[in-house]
């Protein structure tokens, strides 16, 4: 039986499947559930967008954090009748997988659940897979959930 479970979420259908799986396992095993989201500032550089002033950067960082808090609040509302806590992390120029693995170690997590988007080939090579990287580096067991 698991005692401490961490589920890493983003705003995707695959992530919602991972959250549902985590909720089910946490209820079944009466485990504590940490619902985690990583605010990743590297998203600001995507799609050729640039920010020219520190005010714009600060506003963008705040918007990313606020979106993460909203996502976590919505997920936590689904965690009825279990011991659950939300955790907002910041990547701070680190890989998202490393950020999650480090927090899981701090929390004494024995199972990490994360959605796997199913990219293959060049997309995985260029973008990398947070789920696959996490499975390689985490000290806890990792359950990869596909969209279903």
Protein backbone atom coordinates (compact mmCIF):
# COMPACT_ATOMS: atom_id res chain seq x y z
CA UNK A 1 0.00 0.00 0.00
CA UNK A 2 1.14 3.50 -0.77
CA UNK A 3 1.32 6.10 1.99
CA UNK A 4 2.33 9.24 0.10
CA UNK A 5 1.46 9.84 -3.55
CA UNK A 6 2.38 12.79 -5.73
CA UNK A 7 0.52 13.51 -8.95
CA UNK A 8 2.02 16.06 -11.31
CA UNK A 9 -0.57 17.94 -13.35
CA UNK A 10 -0.76 20.45 -16.15
CA UNK A 11 -3.76 21.66 -18.15
CA UNK A 12 -4.12 18.69 -20.50
CA UNK A 13 -6.55 15.83 -20.98
CA UNK A 14 -3.74 13.37 -20.22
CA UNK A 15 -3.07 15.15 -16.96
CA UNK A 16 -6.75 14.90 -16.01
CA UNK A 17 -6.53 11.14 -16.55
CA UNK A 18 -3.45 11.01 -14.28
CA UNK A 19 -5.30 13.00 -11.61
CA UNK A 20 -8.27 10.63 -11.76
CA UNK A 21 -5.93 7.65 -11.40
CA UNK A 22 -4.17 9.30 -8.47
CA UNK A 23 -7.46 10.07 -6.74
CA UNK A 24 -8.57 6.45 -7.16
CA UNK A 25 -5.30 5.01 -5.82
CA UNK A 26 -5.18 7.48 -2.91
CA UNK A 27 -8.76 6.60 -1.91
CA UNK A 28 -8.14 2.86 -2.24
CA UNK A 29 -4.94 2.91 -0.21
CA UNK A 30 -5.95 5.73 2.18
CA UNK A 31 -2.78 7.56 1.16
CA UNK A 32 -1.93 11.24 1.41
CA UNK A 33 -2.07 12.85 -2.04
CA UNK A 34 0.12 15.76 -3.10
CA UNK A 35 -1.24 17.44 -6.22
CA UNK A 36 1.69 19.22 -7.84
CA UNK A 37 2.07 21.70 -10.68
CA UNK A 38 5.32 23.23 -11.92
CA UNK A 39 5.20 26.85 -13.06
CA UNK A 40 7.72 26.80 -15.88
CA UNK A 41 9.06 30.17 -16.99
CA UNK A 42 10.52 28.66 -20.15
CA UNK A 43 6.99 28.84 -21.54
CA UNK A 44 7.56 32.58 -21.96
CA UNK A 45 10.11 31.97 -24.72
CA UNK A 46 7.81 29.73 -26.75
CA UNK A 47 6.37 30.71 -30.10
CA UNK A 48 8.89 33.49 -30.68
CA UNK A 49 7.43 35.76 -28.03
CA UNK A 50 9.86 38.01 -26.22
CA UNK A 51 9.46 40.28 -23.25
CA UNK A 52 11.32 43.53 -23.46
CA UNK A 53 11.02 44.91 -19.92
CA UNK A 54 11.33 43.44 -16.46
CA UNK A 55 7.77 44.60 -15.78
CA UNK A 56 6.53 42.41 -18.63
CA UNK A 57 8.58 39.48 -17.34
CA UNK A 58 7.28 39.95 -13.80
CA UNK A 59 3.70 40.12 -15.07
CA UNK A 60 4.20 37.01 -17.18
CA UNK A 61 5.71 35.07 -14.26
CA UNK A 62 2.80 36.13 -12.06
CA UNK A 63 0.30 35.04 -14.72
CA UNK A 64 1.97 31.62 -15.00
CA UNK A 65 1.89 31.20 -11.20
CA UNK A 66 -1.75 32.34 -11.00
CA UNK A 67 -2.77 29.87 -13.72
CA UNK A 68 -0.97 27.12 -11.77
CA UNK A 69 -2.77 28.03 -8.54
CA UNK A 70 -6.14 27.94 -10.33
CA UNK A 71 -5.31 24.55 -11.83
CA UNK A 72 -4.33 23.22 -8.39
CA UNK A 73 -7.44 24.65 -6.70
CA UNK A 74 -9.67 22.95 -9.28
CA UNK A 75 -7.84 19.65 -8.82
CA UNK A 76 -7.94 19.87 -5.03
CA UNK A 77 -11.72 20.38 -5.17
CA UNK A 78 -11.97 16.87 -6.66
CA UNK A 79 -10.03 15.34 -3.77
CA UNK A 80 -13.02 14.80 -1.54
CA UNK A 81 -12.77 12.37 1.39
CA UNK A 82 -8.97 12.01 1.15
CA UNK A 83 -6.01 13.77 2.75
CA UNK A 84 -4.79 16.00 -0.09
CA UNK A 85 -2.56 19.03 -0.42
CA UNK A 86 -1.62 21.19 -3.39
CA UNK A 87 1.98 22.06 -4.18
CA UNK A 88 2.98 24.83 -6.61
CA UNK A 89 6.61 24.61 -7.68
CA UNK A 90 8.75 26.85 -9.87
CA UNK A 91 11.19 25.33 -12.36
CA UNK A 92 13.64 28.27 -12.03
CA UNK A 93 15.69 27.33 -15.08
CA UNK A 94 15.70 23.64 -14.15
CA UNK A 95 14.07 20.73 -15.88
CA UNK A 96 10.50 20.17 -14.77
CA UNK A 97 11.30 16.49 -14.15
CA UNK A 98 14.13 17.40 -11.76
CA UNK A 99 11.92 19.86 -9.91
CA UNK A 100 9.22 17.19 -9.41
CA UNK A 101 11.71 14.45 -8.44
CA UNK A 102 13.38 16.68 -5.84
CA UNK A 103 10.04 17.66 -4.27
CA UNK A 104 8.90 14.03 -4.21
CA UNK A 105 12.08 13.14 -2.32
CA UNK A 106 11.51 15.96 0.18
CA UNK A 107 7.95 14.79 0.80
CA UNK A 108 8.85 11.11 1.21
CA UNK A 109 6.62 10.11 -1.68
CA UNK A 110 6.50 6.42 -2.56
CA UNK A 111 4.54 6.79 -5.83
CA UNK A 112 4.61 9.52 -8.47
CA UNK A 113 1.81 9.61 -11.04
CA UNK A 114 2.13 11.63 -14.23
CA UNK A 115 0.43 11.73 -17.59
CA UNK A 116 2.37 10.77 -20.69
CA UNK A 117 1.36 12.62 -23.82
CA UNK A 118 2.59 9.93 -26.19
CA UNK A 119 4.86 12.00 -28.41
CA UNK A 120 7.26 9.95 -30.45
CA UNK A 121 10.29 10.36 -32.61
CA UNK A 122 11.44 13.88 -33.39
CA UNK A 123 8.86 15.54 -31.08
CA UNK A 124 10.23 13.65 -28.08
CA UNK A 125 13.80 14.31 -29.16
CA UNK A 126 13.21 18.06 -29.46
CA UNK A 127 10.72 18.62 -26.64
CA UNK A 128 11.81 15.81 -24.38
CA UNK A 129 9.36 13.95 -22.22
CA UNK A 130 8.94 15.12 -18.66
CA UNK A 131 7.31 11.79 -17.80
CA UNK A 132 10.13 9.69 -19.24
CA UNK A 133 12.81 11.87 -17.65
CA UNK A 134 11.01 11.63 -14.32
CA UNK A 135 10.79 7.85 -14.56
CA UNK A 136 14.57 7.72 -15.07
CA UNK A 137 15.61 10.02 -12.22
CA UNK A 138 12.98 9.65 -9.48
CA UNK A 139 13.77 7.62 -6.38
CA UNK A 140 10.09 6.63 -6.03
CA UNK A 141 8.06 4.40 -8.32
CA UNK A 142 6.54 6.27 -11.27
CA UNK A 143 3.19 5.44 -12.86
CA UNK A 144 2.83 6.80 -16.41
CA UNK A 145 -0.79 7.33 -17.41
CA UNK A 146 -1.95 7.66 -20.99
CA UNK A 147 -5.09 9.49 -22.02
CA UNK A 148 -8.10 7.19 -22.00
